[in-house]
Amino acid sequence: MISQFMIELQGQLEGEDPPKILHLNPRLRGDWSRHPVIEHNTCYRMQWGTAQRCDGLPSRKDEDMLVEEHLRCEKWMRDDNVDSKESKTTCGREQKPEVTWPFPFVEGKLFVLTLRAGVDGYHISVGGRHVTSFPYRPMQRD
C-alpha cells in the first residue's frame, strides 16, 4: 500500500495548461529510500523541475538553504540516525539533549497543515511546528 498524499497549487496562464506552482508530496512509508520523505516540486508546460526532498536530515544553514530565515528542511527522527555525539558531563550534569521530533505525518492520525506564502517562498508547518520551506521558482517565458 502506498501511504502518501499530495497538495498542489496551480497558477493560471491564458491559453496554456495551468502550471503547478507548488507540488507537496509527503510519503509516509518513503519511496526508494524506505524512509519517510516530503517532496516539493513545480511543473511548468508539462516539465517537472528538480525535486527538493526532505528526508529528516536538516538543511545546512547557509544562504542557499534558507527561505526567509527558515531552513528548507527541518530535522526529524529517523530510524537510521546514529548520533555520534556522546553525552558529556560538566560538574556532574549532562548537557541538555537536542530536541528532535518524529516525522510530522502518521497513518490514521489527524493533523493540521498550515501553508503560508511568504515573500520568497512557501512555508509549511504541521501542528504549529515549521517542517519545510520551498522557494518560489520563476516560470520561463518565451
Protein backbone atom coordinates (compact mmCIF):
# COMPACT_ATOMS: atom_id res chain seq x y z
CA MET A 1 0.00 0.00 0.00
CA ILE A 2 1.24 3.47 -0.85
CA SER A 3 0.86 5.92 2.02
CA GLN A 4 1.13 9.39 0.58
CA PHE A 5 -0.92 12.42 -0.30
CA MET A 6 -0.40 15.49 -2.47
CA ILE A 7 -1.27 19.14 -2.26
CA GLU A 8 -0.89 21.15 -5.44
CA LEU A 9 -1.30 24.86 -6.04
CA GLN A 10 -1.99 25.80 -9.64
CA GLY A 11 -1.23 29.09 -11.33
CA GLN A 12 -3.01 30.49 -14.33
CA LEU A 13 -1.67 31.21 -17.81
CA GLU A 14 -4.03 32.14 -20.61
CA GLY A 15 -4.12 29.59 -23.41
CA GLU A 16 -1.92 27.06 -21.56
CA ASP A 17 -2.31 24.25 -19.08
CA PRO A 18 -2.11 25.73 -15.59
CA PRO A 19 1.37 25.40 -14.09
CA LYS A 20 1.76 23.59 -10.78
CA ILE A 21 3.45 26.32 -8.76
CA LEU A 22 3.72 24.04 -5.73
CA HIS A 23 3.56 20.26 -5.56
CA LEU A 24 3.83 19.00 -1.97
CA ASN A 25 4.00 15.21 -1.62
CA PRO A 26 4.60 13.67 1.84
CA ARG A 27 5.33 9.94 1.57
CA LEU A 28 4.75 8.29 4.94
CA ARG A 29 6.41 5.00 4.10
CA GLY A 30 9.03 6.59 1.91
CA ASP A 31 9.81 5.60 -1.62
CA TRP A 32 13.03 4.06 -2.93
CA SER A 33 14.78 5.28 0.24
CA ARG A 34 12.35 3.42 2.53
CA HIS A 35 12.36 6.47 4.85
CA PRO A 36 9.53 8.99 5.21
CA VAL A 37 10.12 11.90 2.87
CA ILE A 38 8.47 15.17 1.87
CA GLU A 39 8.97 16.14 -1.75
CA HIS A 40 8.37 19.59 -3.29
CA ASN A 41 8.43 20.49 -6.93
CA THR A 42 6.94 22.63 -9.70
CA CYS A 43 5.63 21.75 -13.15
CA TYR A 44 5.52 24.29 -15.98
CA ARG A 45 4.49 23.41 -19.54
CA MET A 46 4.36 19.74 -18.58
CA GLN A 47 8.02 19.79 -17.46
CA TRP A 48 8.83 18.96 -13.84
CA GLY A 49 11.60 20.91 -12.14
CA THR A 50 14.25 19.41 -9.90
CA ALA A 51 12.58 17.99 -6.80
CA GLN A 52 13.51 19.16 -3.32
CA ARG A 53 13.40 16.24 -0.90
CA CYS A 54 13.28 16.49 2.88
CA ASP A 55 14.17 13.18 4.48
CA GLY A 56 14.64 14.06 8.14
CA LEU A 57 18.14 15.43 7.84
CA PRO A 58 18.34 19.19 8.40
CA SER A 59 19.42 21.59 5.69
CA ARG A 60 22.69 23.43 6.08
CA LYS A 61 22.30 26.90 7.48
CA ASP A 62 23.95 28.67 4.55
CA GLU A 63 22.06 31.24 2.49
CA ASP A 64 21.24 28.84 -0.36
CA MET A 65 19.36 26.56 2.01
CA LEU A 66 17.33 29.26 3.78
CA VAL A 67 13.99 30.72 2.73
CA GLU A 68 13.34 33.90 4.72
CA GLU A 69 15.47 32.64 7.64
CA HIS A 70 13.70 29.24 7.65
CA LEU A 71 15.53 26.01 6.80
CA ARG A 72 14.30 24.31 3.65
CA CYS A 73 14.25 21.04 5.60
CA GLU A 74 13.93 20.68 9.36
CA LYS A 75 15.25 17.68 11.26
CA TRP A 76 13.06 14.83 12.44
CA MET A 77 13.83 11.44 13.97
CA ARG A 78 14.84 8.71 11.56
CA ASP A 79 15.28 5.02 12.23
CA ASP A 80 18.83 5.06 10.89
CA ASN A 81 20.03 8.19 12.74
CA VAL A 82 23.13 7.35 14.68
CA ASP A 83 24.16 10.16 16.99
CA SER A 84 27.93 10.13 17.17
CA LYS A 85 27.99 12.74 19.95
CA GLU A 86 28.41 11.09 23.29
CA SER A 87 26.88 12.59 26.37
CA LYS A 88 29.35 14.89 28.07
CA THR A 89 29.21 15.93 31.70
CA THR A 90 30.07 19.20 33.33
CA CYS A 91 30.09 19.36 37.11
CA GLY A 92 28.17 16.09 37.20
CA ARG A 93 25.39 17.30 34.86
CA GLU A 94 24.66 16.03 31.41
CA GLN A 95 24.41 18.58 28.65
CA LYS A 96 20.90 19.40 27.56
CA PRO A 97 19.88 16.87 24.88
CA GLU A 98 18.95 18.08 21.42
CA VAL A 99 15.20 18.05 20.84
CA THR A 100 14.12 16.05 17.82
CA TRP A 101 10.64 15.46 16.51
CA PRO A 102 9.08 12.50 14.72
CA PHE A 103 8.03 12.64 11.08
CA PRO A 104 5.04 15.01 11.16
CA PHE A 105 2.55 12.69 9.43
CA VAL A 106 1.28 9.37 10.80
CA GLU A 107 -1.14 6.99 9.11
CA GLY A 108 -4.60 7.20 10.65
CA LYS A 109 -3.84 10.36 12.66
CA LEU A 110 -5.34 13.77 12.01
CA PHE A 111 -3.04 16.75 11.53
CA VAL A 112 -3.24 20.47 10.92
CA LEU A 113 -1.09 21.61 8.00
CA THR A 114 -0.53 25.32 7.50
CA LEU A 115 0.75 26.59 4.17
CA ARG A 116 1.98 30.18 4.28
CA ALA A 117 3.05 32.15 1.20
CA GLY A 118 5.94 34.35 2.29
CA VAL A 119 7.99 36.94 0.43
CA ASP A 120 10.49 34.43 -1.02
CA GLY A 121 8.67 31.11 -0.82
CA TYR A 122 6.18 28.77 0.82
CA HIS A 123 6.46 27.72 4.46
CA ILE A 124 4.79 24.52 5.65
CA SER A 125 4.02 23.88 9.31
CA VAL A 126 2.37 20.82 10.82
CA GLY A 127 0.85 21.00 14.27
CA GLY A 128 2.21 24.54 14.63
CA ARG A 129 5.82 23.49 14.02
CA HIS A 130 7.79 24.56 10.92
CA VAL A 131 8.64 21.48 8.85
CA THR A 132 9.84 22.73 5.49
CA SER A 133 10.11 25.74 3.18
CA PHE A 134 10.23 25.86 -0.60
CA PRO A 135 11.47 28.92 -2.54
CA TYR A 136 9.40 30.32 -5.37
CA ARG A 137 10.59 29.31 -8.82
CA PRO A 138 10.25 31.73 -11.73
CA MET A 139 8.35 30.49 -14.78
CA GLN A 140 10.30 30.83 -18.01
CA ARG A 141 8.52 32.83 -20.70
CA ASP A 142 9.14 32.53 -24.43
